[in-house]
Amino acid sequence: MNAKELRDKTPDQLRDQLTALKKEAFNLRFQQATGQLEGTARMRGVRRDAARVLTILNQKAADVAK
């Protein structure tokens, strides 16, 4: 997912996506703790995607405030 795709979404859609990413991050951390996670690269991607969504949400909120 890239920033262009995220900018086209509504704030509600972004919040839903952020919730889904946080759930996925939790599941990945749980799998890592139990030794079931084989590829750890997905954890990094999920963290970055969540940060990207938060950045876009903050930018949209700042635009509305102006």
PDB file of N, CA and C in Angstrom:
ATOM      1  N   MET A   1       0.853  -1.167   0.000  1.00  0.00           N
ATOM      2  CA  MET A   1       0.000   0.000   0.000  1.00  0.00           C
ATOM      3  C   MET A   1       0.900   1.232   0.000  1.00  0.00           C
ATOM      4  N   ASN A   2       0.525   2.192  -0.827  1.00  0.00           N
ATOM      5  CA  ASN A   2       1.328   3.400  -0.873  1.00  0.00           C
ATOM      6  C   ASN A   2       0.488   4.611  -0.455  1.00  0.00           C
ATOM      7  N   ALA A   3       1.149   5.726  -0.309  1.00  0.00           N
ATOM      8  CA  ALA A   3       0.488   6.917   0.213  1.00  0.00           C
ATOM      9  C   ALA A   3      -0.585   7.446  -0.733  1.00  0.00           C
ATOM     10  N   LYS A   4      -0.396   7.279  -2.034  1.00  0.00           N
ATOM     11  CA  LYS A   4      -1.404   7.766  -2.984  1.00  0.00           C
ATOM     12  C   LYS A   4      -2.728   7.047  -2.781  1.00  0.00           C
ATOM     13  N   GLU A   5      -2.666   5.737  -2.600  1.00  0.00           N
ATOM     14  CA  GLU A   5      -3.887   4.962  -2.377  1.00  0.00           C
ATOM     15  C   GLU A   5      -4.571   5.400  -1.087  1.00  0.00           C
ATOM     16  N   LEU A   6      -3.775   5.694  -0.072  1.00  0.00           N
ATOM     17  CA  LEU A   6      -4.336   6.082   1.223  1.00  0.00           C
ATOM     18  C   LEU A   6      -4.984   7.465   1.167  1.00  0.00           C
ATOM     19  N   ARG A   7      -4.411   8.362   0.398  1.00  0.00           N
ATOM     20  CA  ARG A   7      -4.967   9.723   0.328  1.00  0.00           C
ATOM     21  C   ARG A   7      -6.342   9.739  -0.330  1.00  0.00           C
ATOM     22  N   ASP A   8      -6.620   8.727  -1.150  1.00  0.00           N
ATOM     23  CA  ASP A   8      -7.921   8.662  -1.818  1.00  0.00           C
ATOM     24  C   ASP A   8      -9.024   8.150  -0.898  1.00  0.00           C
ATOM     25  N   LYS A   9      -8.662   7.592   0.242  1.00  0.00           N
ATOM     26  CA  LYS A   9      -9.650   7.017   1.152  1.00  0.00           C
ATOM     27  C   LYS A   9     -10.182   8.073   2.114  1.00  0.00           C
ATOM     28  N   THR A  10     -11.370   7.796   2.649  1.00  0.00           N
ATOM     29  CA  THR A  10     -11.969   8.695   3.632  1.00  0.00           C
ATOM     30  C   THR A  10     -11.341   8.439   5.000  1.00  0.00           C
ATOM     31  N   PRO A  11     -11.468   9.390   5.916  1.00  0.00           N
ATOM     32  CA  PRO A  11     -10.926   9.173   7.260  1.00  0.00           C
ATOM     33  C   PRO A  11     -11.504   7.930   7.955  1.00  0.00           C
ATOM     34  N   ASP A  12     -12.780   7.639   7.727  1.00  0.00           N
ATOM     35  CA  ASP A  12     -13.368   6.444   8.333  1.00  0.00           C
ATOM     36  C   ASP A  12     -12.727   5.178   7.787  1.00  0.00           C
ATOM     37  N   GLN A  13     -12.483   5.147   6.494  1.00  0.00           N
ATOM     38  CA  GLN A  13     -11.826   3.989   5.894  1.00  0.00           C
ATOM     39  C   GLN A  13     -10.404   3.847   6.426  1.00  0.00           C
ATOM     40  N   LEU A  14      -9.732   4.967   6.624  1.00  0.00           N
ATOM     41  CA  LEU A  14      -8.366   4.934   7.153  1.00  0.00           C
ATOM     42  C   LEU A  14      -8.352   4.413   8.586  1.00  0.00           C
ATOM     43  N   ARG A  15      -9.340   4.836   9.378  1.00  0.00           N
ATOM     44  CA  ARG A  15      -9.406   4.348  10.763  1.00  0.00           C
ATOM     45  C   ARG A  15      -9.665   2.843  10.800  1.00  0.00           C
ATOM     46  N   ASP A  16     -10.531   2.369   9.909  1.00  0.00           N
ATOM     47  CA  ASP A  16     -10.797   0.932   9.831  1.00  0.00           C
ATOM     48  C   ASP A  16      -9.536   0.170   9.437  1.00  0.00           C
ATOM     49  N   GLN A  17      -8.802   0.719   8.486  1.00  0.00           N
ATOM     50  CA  GLN A  17      -7.578   0.068   8.049  1.00  0.00           C
ATOM     51  C   GLN A  17      -6.542   0.071   9.173  1.00  0.00           C
ATOM     52  N   LEU A  18      -6.479   1.158   9.918  1.00  0.00           N
ATOM     53  CA  LEU A  18      -5.541   1.234  11.038  1.00  0.00           C
ATOM     54  C   LEU A  18      -5.879   0.181  12.089  1.00  0.00           C
ATOM     55  N   THR A  19      -7.150   0.002  12.364  1.00  0.00           N
ATOM     56  CA  THR A  19      -7.572  -1.026  13.314  1.00  0.00           C
ATOM     57  C   THR A  19      -7.158  -2.410  12.832  1.00  0.00           C
ATOM     58  N   ALA A  20      -7.355  -2.674  11.559  1.00  0.00           N
ATOM     59  CA  ALA A  20      -6.977  -3.970  11.002  1.00  0.00           C
ATOM     60  C   ALA A  20      -5.467  -4.182  11.076  1.00  0.00           C
ATOM     61  N   LEU A  21      -4.707  -3.132  10.814  1.00  0.00           N
ATOM     62  CA  LEU A  21      -3.246  -3.246  10.892  1.00  0.00           C
ATOM     63  C   LEU A  21      -2.780  -3.487  12.318  1.00  0.00           C
ATOM     64  N   LYS A  22      -3.416  -2.832  13.276  1.00  0.00           N
ATOM     65  CA  LYS A  22      -3.038  -3.041  14.674  1.00  0.00           C
ATOM     66  C   LYS A  22      -3.354  -4.467  15.122  1.00  0.00           C
ATOM     67  N   LYS A  23      -4.477  -5.005  14.653  1.00  0.00           N
ATOM     68  CA  LYS A  23      -4.815  -6.392  14.974  1.00  0.00           C
ATOM     69  C   LYS A  23      -3.797  -7.345  14.362  1.00  0.00           C
ATOM     70  N   GLU A  24      -3.423  -7.066  13.118  1.00  0.00           N
ATOM     71  CA  GLU A  24      -2.434  -7.917  12.465  1.00  0.00           C
ATOM     72  C   GLU A  24      -1.090  -7.843  13.177  1.00  0.00           C
ATOM     73  N   ALA A  25      -0.698  -6.653  13.616  1.00  0.00           N
ATOM     74  CA  ALA A  25       0.558  -6.489  14.343  1.00  0.00           C
ATOM     75  C   ALA A  25       0.520  -7.281  15.648  1.00  0.00           C
ATOM     76  N   PHE A  26      -0.611  -7.244  16.338  1.00  0.00           N
ATOM     77  CA  PHE A  26      -0.747  -8.009  17.570  1.00  0.00           C
ATOM     78  C   PHE A  26      -0.597  -9.497  17.293  1.00  0.00           C
ATOM     79  N   ASN A  27      -1.275  -9.973  16.246  1.00  0.00           N
ATOM     80  CA  ASN A  27      -1.197 -11.397  15.915  1.00  0.00           C
ATOM     81  C   ASN A  27       0.228 -11.809  15.542  1.00  0.00           C
ATOM     82  N   LEU A  28       0.934 -10.947  14.827  1.00  0.00           N
ATOM     83  CA  LEU A  28       2.304 -11.250  14.458  1.00  0.00           C
ATOM     84  C   LEU A  28       3.216 -11.288  15.686  1.00  0.00           C
ATOM     85  N   ARG A  29       3.005 -10.346  16.618  1.00  0.00           N
ATOM     86  CA  ARG A  29       3.806 -10.356  17.855  1.00  0.00           C
ATOM     87  C   ARG A  29       3.527 -11.623  18.652  1.00  0.00           C
ATOM     88  N   PHE A  30       2.272 -12.033  18.689  1.00  0.00           N
ATOM     89  CA  PHE A  30       1.892 -13.240  19.422  1.00  0.00           C
ATOM     90  C   PHE A  30       2.540 -14.461  18.783  1.00  0.00           C
ATOM     91  N   GLN A  31       2.521 -14.525  17.460  1.00  0.00           N
ATOM     92  CA  GLN A  31       3.146 -15.651  16.764  1.00  0.00           C
ATOM     93  C   GLN A  31       4.653 -15.682  17.018  1.00  0.00           C
ATOM     94  N   GLN A  32       5.269 -14.516  17.061  1.00  0.00           N
ATOM     95  CA  GLN A  32       6.703 -14.460  17.310  1.00  0.00           C
ATOM     96  C   GLN A  32       7.026 -14.937  18.721  1.00  0.00           C
ATOM     97  N   ALA A  33       6.206 -14.555  19.670  1.00  0.00           N
ATOM     98  CA  ALA A  33       6.446 -14.942  21.061  1.00  0.00           C
ATOM     99  C   ALA A  33       6.296 -16.449  21.252  1.00  0.00           C
ATOM    100  N   THR A  34       5.415 -17.072  20.484  1.00  0.00           N
ATOM    101  CA  THR A  34       5.204 -18.511  20.621  1.00  0.00           C
ATOM    102  C   THR A  34       6.095 -19.318  19.680  1.00  0.00           C
ATOM    103  N   GLY A  35       6.901 -18.628  18.885  1.00  0.00           N
ATOM    104  CA  GLY A  35       7.819 -19.326  17.997  1.00  0.00           C
ATOM    105  C   GLY A  35       7.190 -19.808  16.703  1.00  0.00           C
ATOM    106  N   GLN A  36       6.009 -19.346  16.365  1.00  0.00           N
ATOM    107  CA  GLN A  36       5.329 -19.794  15.153  1.00  0.00           C
ATOM    108  C   GLN A  36       5.620 -18.910  13.948  1.00  0.00           C
ATOM    109  N   LEU A  37       6.173 -17.739  14.164  1.00  0.00           N
ATOM    110  CA  LEU A  37       6.410 -16.797  13.073  1.00  0.00           C
ATOM    111  C   LEU A  37       7.711 -17.157  12.367  1.00  0.00           C
ATOM    112  N   GLU A  38       7.615 -17.370  11.054  1.00  0.00           N
ATOM    113  CA  GLU A  38       8.802 -17.743  10.296  1.00  0.00           C
ATOM    114  C   GLU A  38       9.464 -16.523   9.661  1.00  0.00           C
ATOM    115  N   GLY A  39       8.679 -15.702   8.988  1.00  0.00           N
ATOM    116  CA  GLY A  39       9.243 -14.513   8.351  1.00  0.00           C
ATOM    117  C   GLY A  39       8.897 -13.277   9.142  1.00  0.00           C
ATOM    118  N   THR A  40       9.893 -12.599   9.640  1.00  0.00           N
ATOM    119  CA  THR A  40       9.648 -11.433  10.490  1.00  0.00           C
ATOM    120  C   THR A  40       9.535 -10.143   9.687  1.00  0.00           C
ATOM    121  N   ALA A  41       9.742 -10.211   8.385  1.00  0.00           N
ATOM    122  CA  ALA A  41       9.692  -8.996   7.561  1.00  0.00           C
ATOM    123  C   ALA A  41       8.290  -8.391   7.548  1.00  0.00           C
ATOM    124  N   ARG A  42       7.275  -9.215   7.681  1.00  0.00           N
ATOM    125  CA  ARG A  42       5.898  -8.706   7.658  1.00  0.00           C
ATOM    126  C   ARG A  42       5.641  -7.775   8.838  1.00  0.00           C
ATOM    127  N   MET A  43       6.280  -8.046   9.980  1.00  0.00           N
ATOM    128  CA  MET A  43       6.099  -7.178  11.153  1.00  0.00           C
ATOM    129  C   MET A  43       6.530  -5.750  10.833  1.00  0.00           C
ATOM    130  N   ARG A  44       7.655  -5.628  10.179  1.00  0.00           N
ATOM    131  CA  ARG A  44       8.168  -4.312   9.832  1.00  0.00           C
ATOM    132  C   ARG A  44       7.227  -3.605   8.861  1.00  0.00           C
ATOM    133  N   GLY A  45       6.729  -4.351   7.876  1.00  0.00           N
ATOM    134  CA  GLY A  45       5.817  -3.770   6.899  1.00  0.00           C
ATOM    135  C   GLY A  45       4.521  -3.302   7.523  1.00  0.00           C
ATOM    136  N   VAL A  46       3.990  -4.077   8.446  1.00  0.00           N
ATOM    137  CA  VAL A  46       2.739  -3.703   9.117  1.00  0.00           C
ATOM    138  C   VAL A  46       2.946  -2.449   9.958  1.00  0.00           C
ATOM    139  N   ARG A  47       4.066  -2.388  10.656  1.00  0.00           N
ATOM    140  CA  ARG A  47       4.366  -1.210  11.476  1.00  0.00           C
ATOM    141  C   ARG A  47       4.471   0.037  10.608  1.00  0.00           C
ATOM    142  N   ARG A  48       5.127  -0.093   9.480  1.00  0.00           N
ATOM    143  CA  ARG A  48       5.294   1.050   8.580  1.00  0.00           C
ATOM    144  C   ARG A  48       3.966   1.454   7.941  1.00  0.00           C
ATOM    145  N   ASP A  49       3.151   0.462   7.575  1.00  0.00           N
ATOM    146  CA  ASP A  49       1.838   0.763   7.012  1.00  0.00           C
ATOM    147  C   ASP A  49       0.965   1.504   8.021  1.00  0.00           C
ATOM    148  N   ALA A  50       1.014   1.078   9.278  1.00  0.00           N
ATOM    149  CA  ALA A  50       0.237   1.751  10.326  1.00  0.00           C
ATOM    150  C   ALA A  50       0.716   3.192  10.495  1.00  0.00           C
ATOM    151  N   ALA A  51       2.015   3.388  10.465  1.00  0.00           N
ATOM    152  CA  ALA A  51       2.556   4.744  10.590  1.00  0.00           C
ATOM    153  C   ALA A  51       2.140   5.595   9.400  1.00  0.00           C
ATOM    154  N   ARG A  52       2.128   4.995   8.213  1.00  0.00           N
ATOM    155  CA  ARG A  52       1.719   5.714   7.005  1.00  0.00           C
ATOM    156  C   ARG A  52       0.257   6.141   7.105  1.00  0.00           C
ATOM    157  N   VAL A  53      -0.600   5.249   7.595  1.00  0.00           N
ATOM    158  CA  VAL A  53      -2.021   5.571   7.753  1.00  0.00           C
ATOM    159  C   VAL A  53      -2.195   6.701   8.767  1.00  0.00           C
ATOM    160  N   LEU A  54      -1.475   6.632   9.878  1.00  0.00           N
ATOM    161  CA  LEU A  54      -1.570   7.691  10.890  1.00  0.00           C
ATOM    162  C   LEU A  54      -1.111   9.035  10.332  1.00  0.00           C
ATOM    163  N   THR A  55      -0.069   9.022   9.530  1.00  0.00           N
ATOM    164  CA  THR A  55       0.427  10.261   8.934  1.00  0.00           C
ATOM    165  C   THR A  55      -0.625  10.884   8.030  1.00  0.00           C
ATOM    166  N   ILE A  56      -1.256  10.063   7.186  1.00  0.00           N
ATOM    167  CA  ILE A  56      -2.284  10.572   6.276  1.00  0.00           C
ATOM    168  C   ILE A  56      -3.480  11.097   7.070  1.00  0.00           C
ATOM    169  N   LEU A  57      -3.872  10.379   8.130  1.00  0.00           N
ATOM    170  CA  LEU A  57      -4.984  10.851   8.972  1.00  0.00           C
ATOM    171  C   LEU A  57      -4.664  12.206   9.590  1.00  0.00           C
ATOM    172  N   ASN A  58      -3.447  12.368  10.089  1.00  0.00           N
ATOM    173  CA  ASN A  58      -3.048  13.640  10.686  1.00  0.00           C
ATOM    174  C   ASN A  58      -3.017  14.761   9.652  1.00  0.00           C
ATOM    175  N   GLN A  59      -2.574  14.450   8.438  1.00  0.00           N
ATOM    176  CA  GLN A  59      -2.556  15.449   7.377  1.00  0.00           C
ATOM    177  C   GLN A  59      -3.976  15.872   7.012  1.00  0.00           C
ATOM    178  N   LYS A  60      -4.884  14.908   6.941  1.00  0.00           N
ATOM    179  CA  LYS A  60      -6.273  15.240   6.613  1.00  0.00           C
ATOM    180  C   LYS A  60      -6.895  16.094   7.718  1.00  0.00           C
ATOM    181  N   ALA A  61      -6.581  15.771   8.974  1.00  0.00           N
ATOM    182  CA  ALA A  61      -7.115  16.554  10.094  1.00  0.00           C
ATOM    183  C   ALA A  61      -6.559  17.981  10.058  1.00  0.00           C
ATOM    184  N   ALA A  62      -5.315  18.124   9.709  1.00  0.00           N
ATOM    185  CA  ALA A  62      -4.721  19.461   9.626  1.00  0.00           C
ATOM    186  C   ALA A  62      -5.342  20.264   8.490  1.00  0.00           C
ATOM    187  N   ASP A  63      -5.637  19.598   7.380  1.00  0.00           N
ATOM    188  CA  ASP A  63      -6.275  20.293   6.261  1.00  0.00           C
ATOM    189  C   ASP A  63      -7.682  20.790   6.631  1.00  0.00           C
ATOM    190  N   VAL A  64      -8.401  19.986   7.381  1.00  0.00           N
ATOM    191  CA  VAL A  64      -9.748  20.370   7.812  1.00  0.00           C
ATOM    192  C   VAL A  64      -9.689  21.536   8.791  1.00  0.00           C
ATOM    193  N   ALA A  65      -8.672  21.551   9.630  1.00  0.00           N
ATOM    194  CA  ALA A  65      -8.531  22.601  10.632  1.00  0.00           C
ATOM    195  C   ALA A  65      -8.217  23.965  10.011  1.00  0.00           C
ATOM    196  N   LYS A  66      -7.641  23.959   8.822  1.00  0.00           N
ATOM    197  CA  LYS A  66      -7.280  25.238   8.177  1.00  0.00           C
ATOM    198  C   LYS A  66      -8.469  25.966   7.644  1.00  0.00           C
TER     199      LYS A  66
END
